[in-house]
Amino acid sequence: MKKDDLIEFRWHGRGGQGAKTACLLLADAAFHAGRYVQGFPEYGPERMGAPITAYNRISTARCSVHCNIEQPDYVVVVDETLLDTVDVTHGLKAHGAVIVNTGKTPEEIREKLPHWTGRVCTIDARRISEETLGKNFPNTPMLSAAVKVSGVLEEQQFKSDMEESFQHKFATKPQVVAGNMAALVKAWEEVQAG
């Protein structure tokens, strides 16, 4: 397997925000696109609001590595407050990007990442989820932003696979399917790169 065939993500969030769910949805979408995948969380104390980390490996060839990801290509930060306590860019590859859930611009977030000189992307996942779902469920917008920034999956296939996944997951709540799809599309359009 060539090094370029493997793309790795590290997710930072807090318990209850959906970082683990977004990680597993990304693995599911990549699997449906014919890729080899891994998606798994790492927990500290398992409680609401505690920091959690989750990981994805997506590859065109079977991957036999089964450990935490120390040098990701992309870092997704579901809770901006973690920037004050966690070195989210630790080990992030120079060609990669950090994607942060915030209402701030990439330039404003860059000030909180003094040792990072690579790409910084932002998406206001809270606002998008509140507008489309009526509540703060940032995982769907963050998933969409991660896929767009990384280019790991083709846009139309990704959206189609996610709609099918949402229809299965929320079979008894069609309004939730529509809201999640609206969040997915809006995030794809609004993610900012700096």
C-alpha atoms as a PDB file:
ATOM      1  CA  MET A   1       0.000   0.000   0.000  1.00  0.00           C
ATOM      2  CA  LYS A   2       1.348   3.402  -0.963  1.00  0.00           C
ATOM      3  CA  LYS A   3       1.414   6.063   1.731  1.00  0.00           C
ATOM      4  CA  ASP A   4      -0.983   8.247  -0.320  1.00  0.00           C
ATOM      5  CA  ASP A   5      -3.612   5.487  -0.274  1.00  0.00           C
ATOM      6  CA  LEU A   6      -4.238   5.969   3.449  1.00  0.00           C
ATOM      7  CA  ILE A   7      -6.010   9.027   4.883  1.00  0.00           C
ATOM      8  CA  GLU A   8      -6.291   9.380   8.657  1.00  0.00           C
ATOM      9  CA  PHE A   9      -8.597  11.582  10.729  1.00  0.00           C
ATOM     10  CA  ARG A  10      -8.545  12.431  14.412  1.00  0.00           C
ATOM     11  CA  TRP A  11     -11.740  13.810  15.967  1.00  0.00           C
ATOM     12  CA  HIS A  12     -11.788  15.897  19.159  1.00  0.00           C
ATOM     13  CA  GLY A  13     -15.065  16.522  20.951  1.00  0.00           C
ATOM     14  CA  ARG A  14     -16.884  16.181  24.216  1.00  0.00           C
ATOM     15  CA  GLY A  15     -19.133  13.322  25.266  1.00  0.00           C
ATOM     16  CA  GLY A  16     -22.635  13.822  23.902  1.00  0.00           C
ATOM     17  CA  GLN A  17     -21.703  16.089  20.978  1.00  0.00           C
ATOM     18  CA  GLY A  18     -21.638  13.349  18.378  1.00  0.00           C
ATOM     19  CA  ALA A  19     -17.928  13.176  17.496  1.00  0.00           C
ATOM     20  CA  LYS A  20     -18.002   9.385  17.823  1.00  0.00           C
ATOM     21  CA  THR A  21     -21.176   9.194  15.724  1.00  0.00           C
ATOM     22  CA  ALA A  22     -19.679  11.417  13.010  1.00  0.00           C
ATOM     23  CA  CYS A  23     -16.545   9.255  13.001  1.00  0.00           C
ATOM     24  CA  LEU A  24     -18.623   6.098  12.547  1.00  0.00           C
ATOM     25  CA  LEU A  25     -20.778   7.746   9.844  1.00  0.00           C
ATOM     26  CA  LEU A  26     -17.614   8.686   7.936  1.00  0.00           C
ATOM     27  CA  ALA A  27     -16.433   5.075   8.163  1.00  0.00           C
ATOM     28  CA  ASP A  28     -19.830   3.877   6.921  1.00  0.00           C
ATOM     29  CA  ALA A  29     -19.862   6.308   3.977  1.00  0.00           C
ATOM     30  CA  ALA A  30     -16.294   5.386   2.989  1.00  0.00           C
ATOM     31  CA  PHE A  31     -17.157   1.680   3.206  1.00  0.00           C
ATOM     32  CA  HIS A  32     -20.123   2.216   0.874  1.00  0.00           C
ATOM     33  CA  ALA A  33     -17.741   3.990  -1.518  1.00  0.00           C
ATOM     34  CA  GLY A  34     -15.650   0.811  -1.686  1.00  0.00           C
ATOM     35  CA  ARG A  35     -12.864   1.795   0.691  1.00  0.00           C
ATOM     36  CA  TYR A  36     -11.291  -0.105   3.534  1.00  0.00           C
ATOM     37  CA  VAL A  37     -12.150   1.678   6.769  1.00  0.00           C
ATOM     38  CA  GLN A  38     -11.593   1.899  10.473  1.00  0.00           C
ATOM     39  CA  GLY A  39     -13.616   4.087  12.810  1.00  0.00           C
ATOM     40  CA  PHE A  40     -13.176   3.906  16.568  1.00  0.00           C
ATOM     41  CA  PRO A  41     -13.373   6.111  19.672  1.00  0.00           C
ATOM     42  CA  GLU A  42     -10.976   6.472  22.580  1.00  0.00           C
ATOM     43  CA  TYR A  43     -12.544   7.396  25.895  1.00  0.00           C
ATOM     44  CA  GLY A  44     -11.270   8.829  29.100  1.00  0.00           C
ATOM     45  CA  PRO A  45     -13.876   9.001  31.842  1.00  0.00           C
ATOM     46  CA  GLU A  46     -17.123   8.120  30.081  1.00  0.00           C
ATOM     47  CA  ARG A  47     -19.372  11.002  31.012  1.00  0.00           C
ATOM     48  CA  MET A  48     -21.306  13.740  29.287  1.00  0.00           C
ATOM     49  CA  GLY A  49     -19.042  16.675  28.490  1.00  0.00           C
ATOM     50  CA  ALA A  50     -15.742  14.846  29.021  1.00  0.00           C
ATOM     51  CA  PRO A  51     -13.198  15.172  26.186  1.00  0.00           C
ATOM     52  CA  ILE A  52     -13.205  12.267  23.754  1.00  0.00           C
ATOM     53  CA  THR A  53     -11.085  11.398  20.765  1.00  0.00           C
ATOM     54  CA  ALA A  54     -12.139   9.282  17.795  1.00  0.00           C
ATOM     55  CA  TYR A  55     -10.226   8.073  14.767  1.00  0.00           C
ATOM     56  CA  ASN A  56     -10.745   7.116  11.123  1.00  0.00           C
ATOM     57  CA  ARG A  57      -8.510   5.337   8.685  1.00  0.00           C
ATOM     58  CA  ILE A  58      -9.708   5.275   5.076  1.00  0.00           C
ATOM     59  CA  SER A  59      -7.731   3.415   2.457  1.00  0.00           C
ATOM     60  CA  THR A  60      -7.874   1.887  -0.999  1.00  0.00           C
ATOM     61  CA  ALA A  61      -6.034  -1.164   0.359  1.00  0.00           C
ATOM     62  CA  ARG A  62      -6.488  -3.310   3.458  1.00  0.00           C
ATOM     63  CA  CYS A  63      -4.900  -1.683   6.501  1.00  0.00           C
ATOM     64  CA  SER A  64      -3.481  -3.932   9.200  1.00  0.00           C
ATOM     65  CA  VAL A  65      -2.564  -1.127  11.616  1.00  0.00           C
ATOM     66  CA  HIS A  66      -4.898  -1.054  14.642  1.00  0.00           C
ATOM     67  CA  CYS A  67      -3.741   1.685  16.994  1.00  0.00           C
ATOM     68  CA  ASN A  68      -4.571   5.285  17.788  1.00  0.00           C
ATOM     69  CA  ILE A  69      -3.586   7.811  15.132  1.00  0.00           C
ATOM     70  CA  GLU A  70      -0.647   9.950  16.164  1.00  0.00           C
ATOM     71  CA  GLN A  71      -0.019  11.702  12.822  1.00  0.00           C
ATOM     72  CA  PRO A  72      -3.383  12.383  11.197  1.00  0.00           C
ATOM     73  CA  ASP A  73      -3.932  14.024   7.839  1.00  0.00           C
ATOM     74  CA  TYR A  74      -6.973  15.881   9.214  1.00  0.00           C
ATOM     75  CA  VAL A  75      -8.113  16.940  12.668  1.00  0.00           C
ATOM     76  CA  VAL A  76     -11.787  17.705  13.307  1.00  0.00           C
ATOM     77  CA  VAL A  77     -12.583  19.747  16.421  1.00  0.00           C
ATOM     78  CA  VAL A  78     -16.268  19.507  17.341  1.00  0.00           C
ATOM     79  CA  ASP A  79     -15.936  21.745  20.424  1.00  0.00           C
ATOM     80  CA  GLU A  80     -13.962  24.974  20.045  1.00  0.00           C
ATOM     81  CA  THR A  81     -13.307  25.179  23.816  1.00  0.00           C
ATOM     82  CA  LEU A  82     -10.930  22.221  23.452  1.00  0.00           C
ATOM     83  CA  LEU A  83      -8.494  24.545  21.667  1.00  0.00           C
ATOM     84  CA  ASP A  84      -7.744  26.063  25.087  1.00  0.00           C
ATOM     85  CA  THR A  85      -6.873  22.743  26.766  1.00  0.00           C
ATOM     86  CA  VAL A  86      -5.850  20.211  24.092  1.00  0.00           C
ATOM     87  CA  ASP A  87      -3.030  20.486  21.553  1.00  0.00           C
ATOM     88  CA  VAL A  88      -5.331  19.443  18.721  1.00  0.00           C
ATOM     89  CA  THR A  89      -2.660  19.935  16.036  1.00  0.00           C
ATOM     90  CA  HIS A  90      -0.163  17.625  17.763  1.00  0.00           C
ATOM     91  CA  GLY A  91       1.256  15.319  15.081  1.00  0.00           C
ATOM     92  CA  LEU A  92      -0.955  16.796  12.330  1.00  0.00           C
ATOM     93  CA  LYS A  93       0.781  16.352   8.994  1.00  0.00           C
ATOM     94  CA  ALA A  94       1.939  19.589   7.340  1.00  0.00           C
ATOM     95  CA  HIS A  95      -0.191  18.970   4.230  1.00  0.00           C
ATOM     96  CA  GLY A  96      -3.296  18.396   6.361  1.00  0.00           C
ATOM     97  CA  ALA A  97      -5.874  20.689   7.895  1.00  0.00           C
ATOM     98  CA  VAL A  98      -7.644  21.378  11.151  1.00  0.00           C
ATOM     99  CA  ILE A  99     -11.423  21.829  10.885  1.00  0.00           C
ATOM    100  CA  VAL A 100     -13.067  23.652  13.798  1.00  0.00           C
ATOM    101  CA  ASN A 101     -16.723  24.069  14.793  1.00  0.00           C
ATOM    102  CA  THR A 102     -16.925  27.820  15.398  1.00  0.00           C
ATOM    103  CA  GLY A 103     -18.608  31.006  14.287  1.00  0.00           C
ATOM    104  CA  LYS A 104     -15.149  32.556  13.890  1.00  0.00           C
ATOM    105  CA  THR A 105     -13.107  32.891  10.715  1.00  0.00           C
ATOM    106  CA  PRO A 106     -10.100  30.671   9.973  1.00  0.00           C
ATOM    107  CA  GLU A 107      -7.836  33.669  10.670  1.00  0.00           C
ATOM    108  CA  GLU A 108      -9.376  34.166  14.139  1.00  0.00           C
ATOM    109  CA  ILE A 109      -8.944  30.465  14.973  1.00  0.00           C
ATOM    110  CA  ARG A 110      -5.352  30.474  13.701  1.00  0.00           C
ATOM    111  CA  GLU A 111      -4.514  32.820  16.606  1.00  0.00           C
ATOM    112  CA  LYS A 112      -5.410  29.946  18.990  1.00  0.00           C
ATOM    113  CA  LEU A 113      -3.067  27.583  17.120  1.00  0.00           C
ATOM    114  CA  PRO A 114       0.296  29.380  17.400  1.00  0.00           C
ATOM    115  CA  HIS A 115       2.431  26.392  16.343  1.00  0.00           C
ATOM    116  CA  TRP A 116       0.308  25.383  13.349  1.00  0.00           C
ATOM    117  CA  THR A 117       1.137  26.900   9.944  1.00  0.00           C
ATOM    118  CA  GLY A 118      -1.030  24.655   7.758  1.00  0.00           C
ATOM    119  CA  ARG A 119      -4.640  24.996   6.658  1.00  0.00           C
ATOM    120  CA  VAL A 120      -7.306  26.059   9.136  1.00  0.00           C
ATOM    121  CA  CYS A 121     -10.950  25.552   8.197  1.00  0.00           C
ATOM    122  CA  THR A 122     -14.035  26.627  10.099  1.00  0.00           C
ATOM    123  CA  ILE A 123     -17.716  25.770  10.022  1.00  0.00           C
ATOM    124  CA  ASP A 124     -20.471  27.066  12.285  1.00  0.00           C
ATOM    125  CA  ALA A 125     -21.930  23.618  12.899  1.00  0.00           C
ATOM    126  CA  ARG A 126     -23.915  24.779  15.909  1.00  0.00           C
ATOM    127  CA  ARG A 127     -25.782  27.452  13.919  1.00  0.00           C
ATOM    128  CA  ILE A 128     -26.360  25.107  10.990  1.00  0.00           C
ATOM    129  CA  SER A 129     -27.731  22.314  13.184  1.00  0.00           C
ATOM    130  CA  GLU A 130     -29.972  24.702  15.100  1.00  0.00           C
ATOM    131  CA  GLU A 131     -31.340  26.106  11.812  1.00  0.00           C
ATOM    132  CA  THR A 132     -31.906  22.706  10.189  1.00  0.00           C
ATOM    133  CA  LEU A 133     -32.618  20.404  13.155  1.00  0.00           C
ATOM    134  CA  GLY A 134     -33.831  22.807  15.820  1.00  0.00           C
ATOM    135  CA  LYS A 135     -31.120  21.679  18.269  1.00  0.00           C
ATOM    136  CA  ASN A 136     -27.351  21.736  18.631  1.00  0.00           C
ATOM    137  CA  PHE A 137     -26.313  18.477  16.932  1.00  0.00           C
ATOM    138  CA  PRO A 138     -22.984  19.462  15.324  1.00  0.00           C
ATOM    139  CA  ASN A 139     -21.947  16.003  14.123  1.00  0.00           C
ATOM    140  CA  THR A 140     -23.646  16.057  10.688  1.00  0.00           C
ATOM    141  CA  PRO A 141     -22.276  19.486   9.679  1.00  0.00           C
ATOM    142  CA  MET A 142     -18.812  18.523  10.972  1.00  0.00           C
ATOM    143  CA  LEU A 143     -18.911  15.280   8.994  1.00  0.00           C
ATOM    144  CA  SER A 144     -19.807  17.172   5.825  1.00  0.00           C
ATOM    145  CA  ALA A 145     -17.050  19.738   6.388  1.00  0.00           C
ATOM    146  CA  ALA A 146     -14.473  16.975   6.994  1.00  0.00           C
ATOM    147  CA  VAL A 147     -15.388  15.183   3.769  1.00  0.00           C
ATOM    148  CA  LYS A 148     -15.312  18.386   1.715  1.00  0.00           C
ATOM    149  CA  VAL A 149     -12.002  19.655   3.127  1.00  0.00           C
ATOM    150  CA  SER A 150     -10.285  16.273   2.794  1.00  0.00           C
ATOM    151  CA  GLY A 151     -11.761  15.311  -0.578  1.00  0.00           C
ATOM    152  CA  VAL A 152     -11.778  11.722   0.703  1.00  0.00           C
ATOM    153  CA  LEU A 153     -15.174  10.981  -0.898  1.00  0.00           C
ATOM    154  CA  GLU A 154     -16.901  12.210  -4.041  1.00  0.00           C
ATOM    155  CA  GLU A 155     -19.621  14.760  -3.218  1.00  0.00           C
ATOM    156  CA  GLN A 156     -22.694  13.270  -4.898  1.00  0.00           C
ATOM    157  CA  GLN A 157     -21.943   9.705  -3.820  1.00  0.00           C
ATOM    158  CA  PHE A 158     -21.326  10.884  -0.250  1.00  0.00           C
ATOM    159  CA  LYS A 159     -24.608  12.804  -0.102  1.00  0.00           C
ATOM    160  CA  SER A 160     -26.535   9.908  -1.633  1.00  0.00           C
ATOM    161  CA  ASP A 161     -25.014   7.377   0.786  1.00  0.00           C
ATOM    162  CA  MET A 162     -25.692   9.637   3.759  1.00  0.00           C
ATOM    163  CA  GLU A 163     -29.318  10.120   2.762  1.00  0.00           C
ATOM    164  CA  GLU A 164     -29.733   6.343   2.566  1.00  0.00           C
ATOM    165  CA  SER A 165     -28.029   5.953   5.953  1.00  0.00           C
ATOM    166  CA  PHE A 166     -30.248   8.618   7.556  1.00  0.00           C
ATOM    167  CA  GLN A 167     -33.377   7.031   6.064  1.00  0.00           C
ATOM    168  CA  HIS A 168     -32.416   3.723   7.634  1.00  0.00           C
ATOM    169  CA  LYS A 169     -31.374   5.212  10.981  1.00  0.00           C
ATOM    170  CA  PHE A 170     -34.405   7.526  11.289  1.00  0.00           C
ATOM    171  CA  ALA A 171     -37.030   5.395   9.511  1.00  0.00           C
ATOM    172  CA  THR A 172     -39.757   6.474  11.933  1.00  0.00           C
ATOM    173  CA  LYS A 173     -38.735  10.167  11.897  1.00  0.00           C
ATOM    174  CA  PRO A 174     -38.661  11.421   8.273  1.00  0.00           C
ATOM    175  CA  GLN A 175     -38.356  15.047   9.418  1.00  0.00           C
ATOM    176  CA  VAL A 176     -35.004  14.164  11.015  1.00  0.00           C
ATOM    177  CA  VAL A 177     -33.790  12.785   7.664  1.00  0.00           C
ATOM    178  CA  ALA A 178     -34.701  16.047   5.912  1.00  0.00           C
ATOM    179  CA  GLY A 179     -33.066  18.119   8.660  1.00  0.00           C
ATOM    180  CA  ASN A 180     -29.842  16.111   8.586  1.00  0.00           C
ATOM    181  CA  MET A 181     -29.646  16.320   4.804  1.00  0.00           C
ATOM    182  CA  ALA A 182     -30.201  20.079   4.954  1.00  0.00           C
ATOM    183  CA  ALA A 183     -27.411  20.331   7.550  1.00  0.00           C
ATOM    184  CA  LEU A 184     -25.114  18.221   5.375  1.00  0.00           C
ATOM    185  CA  VAL A 185     -25.694  20.378   2.276  1.00  0.00           C
ATOM    186  CA  LYS A 186     -25.468  23.696   4.138  1.00  0.00           C
ATOM    187  CA  ALA A 187     -22.186  22.710   5.807  1.00  0.00           C
ATOM    188  CA  TRP A 188     -20.725  21.609   2.460  1.00  0.00           C
ATOM    189  CA  GLU A 189     -21.511  25.058   1.062  1.00  0.00           C
ATOM    190  CA  GLU A 190     -20.409  27.097   4.096  1.00  0.00           C
ATOM    191  CA  VAL A 191     -17.144  25.552   5.285  1.00  0.00           C
ATOM    192  CA  GLN A 192     -14.396  28.205   5.141  1.00  0.00           C
ATOM    193  CA  ALA A 193     -10.760  27.498   4.397  1.00  0.00           C
ATOM    194  CA  GLY A 194      -7.934  29.775   5.433  1.00  0.00           C
END
